[in-house]
Protein backbone atom coordinates (compact mmCIF):
# COMPACT_ATOMS: atom_id res chain seq x y z
CA UNK A 1 -50.53 146.88 -25.94
CA UNK A 2 -53.35 149.06 -25.41
CA UNK A 3 -55.98 147.07 -24.64
CA UNK A 4 -59.77 147.56 -27.18
CA UNK A 5 -62.92 147.08 -26.86
CA UNK A 6 -65.56 146.23 -29.58
CA UNK A 7 -68.90 148.21 -28.73
CA UNK A 8 -71.96 147.05 -31.40
CA UNK A 9 -75.33 150.01 -31.17
CA UNK A 10 -72.02 151.52 -29.45
CA UNK A 11 -73.70 155.47 -30.76
CA UNK A 12 -76.87 154.43 -28.54
CA UNK A 13 -77.97 155.67 -25.24
CA UNK A 14 -76.44 152.74 -23.50
CA UNK A 15 -73.74 152.18 -25.75
CA UNK A 16 -72.24 155.32 -25.66
CA UNK A 17 -72.28 155.17 -21.93
CA UNK A 18 -70.67 151.74 -22.56
CA UNK A 19 -68.15 153.24 -24.62
CA UNK A 20 -67.56 156.15 -22.01
CA UNK A 21 -66.92 153.81 -19.24
CA UNK A 22 -64.11 151.17 -21.19
CA UNK A 23 -62.64 155.18 -22.33
CA UNK A 24 -62.40 155.89 -18.07
CA UNK A 25 -61.25 151.71 -17.72
CA UNK A 26 -58.28 152.82 -20.25
CA UNK A 27 -59.46 151.34 -23.26
CA UNK A 28 -59.60 152.20 -26.79
CA UNK A 29 -63.25 151.57 -28.76
CA UNK A 30 -64.01 150.30 -31.40
CA UNK A 31 -67.54 150.96 -32.51
CA UNK A 32 -70.38 149.49 -34.57
CA UNK A 33 -73.37 151.15 -35.34
CA UNK A 34 -75.41 152.07 -38.85
CA UNK A 35 -75.82 155.31 -36.98
CA UNK A 36 -71.96 157.14 -37.00
CA UNK A 37 -70.81 158.85 -34.42
CA UNK A 38 -67.46 159.41 -32.91
CA UNK A 39 -67.28 155.89 -31.54
CA UNK A 40 -67.27 154.62 -34.97
CA UNK A 41 -64.65 156.75 -36.39
CA UNK A 42 -67.88 158.93 -38.03
CA UNK A 43 -68.35 155.50 -40.34
CA UNK A 44 -72.09 153.61 -40.64
CA UNK A 45 -71.00 149.85 -39.73
CA UNK A 46 -73.53 147.30 -40.15
CA UNK A 47 -74.14 144.69 -38.26
CA UNK A 48 -75.80 142.80 -41.32
CA UNK A 49 -72.65 143.06 -43.87
CA UNK A 50 -70.50 139.96 -44.29
CA UNK A 51 -67.52 141.82 -44.53
CA UNK A 52 -67.41 143.39 -41.26
CA UNK A 53 -64.45 141.44 -39.45
CA UNK A 54 -62.71 142.36 -42.70
CA UNK A 55 -63.85 146.34 -42.16
CA UNK A 56 -62.99 146.47 -38.67
CA UNK A 57 -60.03 144.37 -38.97
CA UNK A 58 -58.82 147.05 -42.18
CA UNK A 59 -59.81 151.00 -39.54
CA UNK A 60 -59.11 149.56 -36.49
CA UNK A 61 -55.60 148.01 -34.35
CA UNK A 62 -57.61 144.96 -33.36
CA UNK A 63 -54.24 143.07 -31.79
CA UNK A 64 -55.68 144.07 -28.18
CA UNK A 65 -58.91 143.37 -28.54
CA UNK A 66 -60.19 141.93 -24.85
CA UNK A 67 -63.79 142.84 -25.03
CA UNK A 68 -66.92 142.34 -27.17
CA UNK A 69 -69.64 144.03 -25.87
CA UNK A 70 -73.23 143.25 -27.67
CA UNK A 71 -75.63 146.30 -27.12
CA UNK A 72 -77.04 146.79 -30.85
CA UNK A 73 -81.05 145.45 -30.23
CA UNK A 74 -84.14 145.69 -33.35
CA UNK A 75 -87.37 145.93 -31.20
CA UNK A 76 -90.02 146.01 -33.59
CA UNK A 77 -93.17 146.93 -32.05
CA UNK A 78 -96.83 144.91 -32.83
CA UNK A 79 -98.61 141.75 -31.47
CA UNK A 80 -96.76 138.88 -32.44
CA UNK A 81 -99.23 137.62 -35.09
CA UNK A 82 -98.92 140.80 -37.13
CA UNK A 83 -95.40 140.94 -37.42
CA UNK A 84 -94.15 141.17 -40.70
CA UNK A 85 -91.49 138.14 -41.07
CA UNK A 86 -88.35 140.51 -42.16
CA UNK A 87 -89.08 142.19 -39.29
CA UNK A 88 -88.66 138.72 -37.23
CA UNK A 89 -85.64 138.06 -39.12
CA UNK A 90 -83.68 141.69 -39.12
CA UNK A 91 -84.70 141.17 -35.24
CA UNK A 92 -83.38 137.80 -35.05
CA UNK A 93 -80.23 138.82 -36.98
CA UNK A 94 -79.00 141.73 -34.65
CA UNK A 95 -80.20 140.26 -31.52
CA UNK A 96 -78.04 136.64 -31.67
CA UNK A 97 -77.16 135.62 -35.20
CA UNK A 98 -74.87 138.94 -35.37
CA UNK A 99 -73.34 138.31 -31.75
CA UNK A 100 -72.29 134.91 -32.90
CA UNK A 101 -70.49 136.29 -35.79
CA UNK A 102 -68.83 138.47 -34.22
CA UNK A 103 -67.03 136.53 -31.34
CA UNK A 104 -66.48 133.72 -34.07
CA UNK A 105 -64.69 135.95 -36.21
CA UNK A 106 -62.66 137.85 -33.27
CA UNK A 107 -61.96 134.51 -31.37
CA UNK A 108 -58.42 134.50 -32.09
CA UNK A 109 -57.74 138.02 -30.44
CA UNK A 110 -59.89 137.30 -27.03
CA UNK A 111 -58.10 134.28 -27.16
CA UNK A 112 -55.17 135.03 -26.63
CA UNK A 113 -55.44 137.73 -24.73
CA UNK A 114 -57.94 136.38 -21.99
CA UNK A 115 -60.52 138.47 -23.04
CA UNK A 116 -64.15 138.41 -22.34
CA UNK A 117 -67.87 139.24 -23.84
CA UNK A 118 -70.49 140.84 -22.57
CA UNK A 119 -73.90 140.87 -23.80
CA UNK A 120 -76.56 143.38 -22.77
CA UNK A 121 -79.90 141.50 -22.53
CA UNK A 122 -83.59 142.06 -21.17
CA UNK A 123 -85.51 141.41 -18.26
CA UNK A 124 -88.47 141.02 -20.99
CA UNK A 125 -85.87 137.57 -21.75
CA UNK A 126 -88.07 136.59 -18.34
CA UNK A 127 -90.91 138.67 -18.06
CA UNK A 128 -92.38 140.32 -20.50
CA UNK A 129 -95.19 142.31 -22.17
CA UNK A 130 -97.55 142.22 -24.96
CA UNK A 131 -96.86 143.47 -28.35
CA UNK A 132 -92.98 142.99 -28.39
CA UNK A 133 -92.67 139.27 -28.84
CA UNK A 134 -89.48 138.78 -32.03
CA UNK A 135 -88.03 140.94 -29.13
CA UNK A 136 -88.34 139.07 -25.68
CA UNK A 137 -87.61 135.98 -27.83
CA UNK A 138 -84.29 137.47 -29.27
CA UNK A 139 -83.25 138.44 -26.13
CA UNK A 140 -83.85 134.97 -24.30
CA UNK A 141 -82.17 132.99 -27.63
CA UNK A 142 -79.16 135.18 -26.31
CA UNK A 143 -79.52 134.49 -22.65
CA UNK A 144 -78.42 130.72 -23.99
CA UNK A 145 -76.37 131.79 -26.48
CA UNK A 146 -74.08 133.24 -23.42
CA UNK A 147 -75.08 130.60 -21.40
CA UNK A 148 -73.52 128.20 -23.83
CA UNK A 149 -70.31 130.05 -25.18
CA UNK A 150 -69.38 129.96 -21.51
CA UNK A 151 -68.95 126.69 -21.47
CA UNK A 152 -67.17 126.17 -24.91
CA UNK A 153 -65.24 129.43 -24.86
CA UNK A 154 -63.96 128.22 -21.63
CA UNK A 155 -60.96 128.92 -20.55
CA UNK A 156 -60.11 131.52 -22.57
CA UNK A 157 -62.61 133.61 -23.12
CA UNK A 158 -65.45 134.95 -20.12
CA UNK A 159 -69.14 135.02 -21.19
CA UNK A 160 -71.47 136.97 -19.20
CA UNK A 161 -74.46 139.62 -19.89
CA UNK A 162 -76.24 142.74 -18.43
CA UNK A 163 -79.70 142.49 -18.26
CA UNK A 164 -81.50 146.23 -18.05
CA UNK A 165 -84.58 146.98 -17.14
CA UNK A 166 -86.27 150.02 -17.98
CA UNK A 167 -83.54 152.51 -19.04
CA UNK A 168 -83.66 156.17 -19.96
CA UNK A 169 -82.65 155.50 -23.53
CA UNK A 170 -83.27 154.64 -26.39
CA UNK A 171 -86.20 151.32 -27.15
CA UNK A 172 -87.71 151.56 -24.35
CA UNK A 173 -88.32 156.30 -25.22
CA UNK A 174 -88.76 154.75 -28.72
CA UNK A 175 -91.47 152.04 -27.36
CA UNK A 176 -93.06 154.83 -24.46
CA UNK A 177 -93.34 157.67 -27.80
CA UNK A 178 -95.83 154.84 -29.29
CA UNK A 179 -98.35 155.37 -26.54
CA UNK A 180 -101.41 157.33 -26.22
CA UNK A 181 -100.01 159.02 -22.58
CA UNK A 182 -97.93 161.69 -21.68
CA UNK A 183 -94.14 160.28 -22.00
CA UNK A 184 -93.09 161.26 -18.65
CA UNK A 185 -96.42 160.40 -16.37
CA UNK A 186 -95.28 156.87 -18.04
CA UNK A 187 -91.76 157.16 -16.28
CA UNK A 188 -93.25 158.27 -13.43
CA UNK A 189 -95.50 154.95 -13.55
CA UNK A 190 -92.72 153.08 -14.44
CA UNK A 191 -90.31 154.89 -11.14
CA UNK A 192 -93.42 154.07 -9.47
CA UNK A 193 -93.56 150.53 -9.67
CA UNK A 194 -89.41 149.91 -9.09
CA UNK A 195 -88.75 149.21 -5.31
CA UNK A 196 -85.61 152.06 -5.99
CA UNK A 197 -88.28 154.27 -6.46
CA UNK A 198 -86.37 155.43 -10.28
CA UNK A 199 -85.98 154.43 -13.36
CA UNK A 200 -82.22 153.34 -14.44
CA UNK A 201 -80.36 155.53 -16.76
CA UNK A 202 -77.27 154.03 -19.46
CA UNK A 203 -74.74 154.60 -16.58
CA UNK A 204 -75.91 152.01 -14.65
CA UNK A 205 -75.58 149.41 -17.31
CA UNK A 206 -72.13 150.82 -18.39
CA UNK A 207 -70.73 150.44 -14.86
CA UNK A 208 -72.29 146.63 -14.83
CA UNK A 209 -70.38 145.62 -17.96
CA UNK A 210 -67.15 147.71 -16.59
CA UNK A 211 -67.30 144.72 -14.18
CA UNK A 212 -68.09 142.38 -16.44
CA UNK A 213 -64.83 142.85 -18.51
CA UNK A 214 -62.86 143.59 -15.12
CA UNK A 215 -60.18 141.82 -13.74
CA UNK A 216 -62.43 141.94 -10.47
CA UNK A 217 -64.88 140.13 -12.60
CA UNK A 218 -62.33 137.51 -13.72
CA UNK A 219 -63.58 133.97 -12.30
CA UNK A 220 -67.22 135.10 -13.36
CA UNK A 221 -68.86 133.60 -16.49
CA UNK A 222 -72.14 132.52 -17.45
CA UNK A 223 -73.63 134.49 -15.67
CA UNK A 224 -76.07 137.83 -15.85
CA UNK A 225 -76.27 140.81 -13.55
CA UNK A 226 -80.07 142.14 -13.50
CA UNK A 227 -79.89 146.20 -13.47
CA UNK A 228 -83.83 146.78 -12.88
CA UNK A 229 -83.80 148.99 -9.89
CA UNK A 230 -85.52 145.35 -8.55
CA UNK A 231 -88.15 145.37 -10.55
CA UNK A 232 -88.40 141.64 -11.66
CA UNK A 233 -88.56 140.94 -7.99
CA UNK A 234 -92.07 142.64 -7.56
CA UNK A 235 -95.03 140.44 -8.30
CA UNK A 236 -96.94 142.40 -10.61
CA UNK A 237 -100.26 141.63 -9.78
CA UNK A 238 -99.41 143.56 -6.56
CA UNK A 239 -101.30 146.78 -5.84
CA UNK A 240 -100.88 148.99 -3.20
């Protein structure tokens, strides 16, 4: 039986790179995204849909499901006291609530296959900046979910997270494009503040996810791999 993986946010840059990584590992990809792509079978799937698990079981073979990767995320921009209630609710629904619902729905398959869950978190759950509070708070909640789910779903299912820093992909580029500075200048500045001298690529995240889902990580659960080029180890008040 071929192993399968559900990947949310699969049509984005990081999600697509993760999908390609799992294909290379021999998995069938069950893609979930509001934006249709080759990974979703050209169908739009909404995490807010209460019938999502039924639709996925109808469209894909899920008996071999061995991994769920939650890469979907909402990131509204604006100071906390200006965040609209609907943006707050949508962010938490996408970033944390839908993750819990999806794993619960497919727990029978994950348990039967000794599977795993990998959550794409964010360094903003550790250190952040002004203007993205709902995103940062929801990602901190997701880290709490990882730790709790790792205990509650053991020993049948492992649960871990990958915490990216600045990655040359969707959410970062969306945020940077809202700035008045030139995109290239900001990326260069971010790279200069990263010990490894560059910002990350989607493939950097995908490799970490692939490792956590593999047998090589069979004794790892409740843990987080930070993929940020060392940025969170650099004291922000230090200047050259």
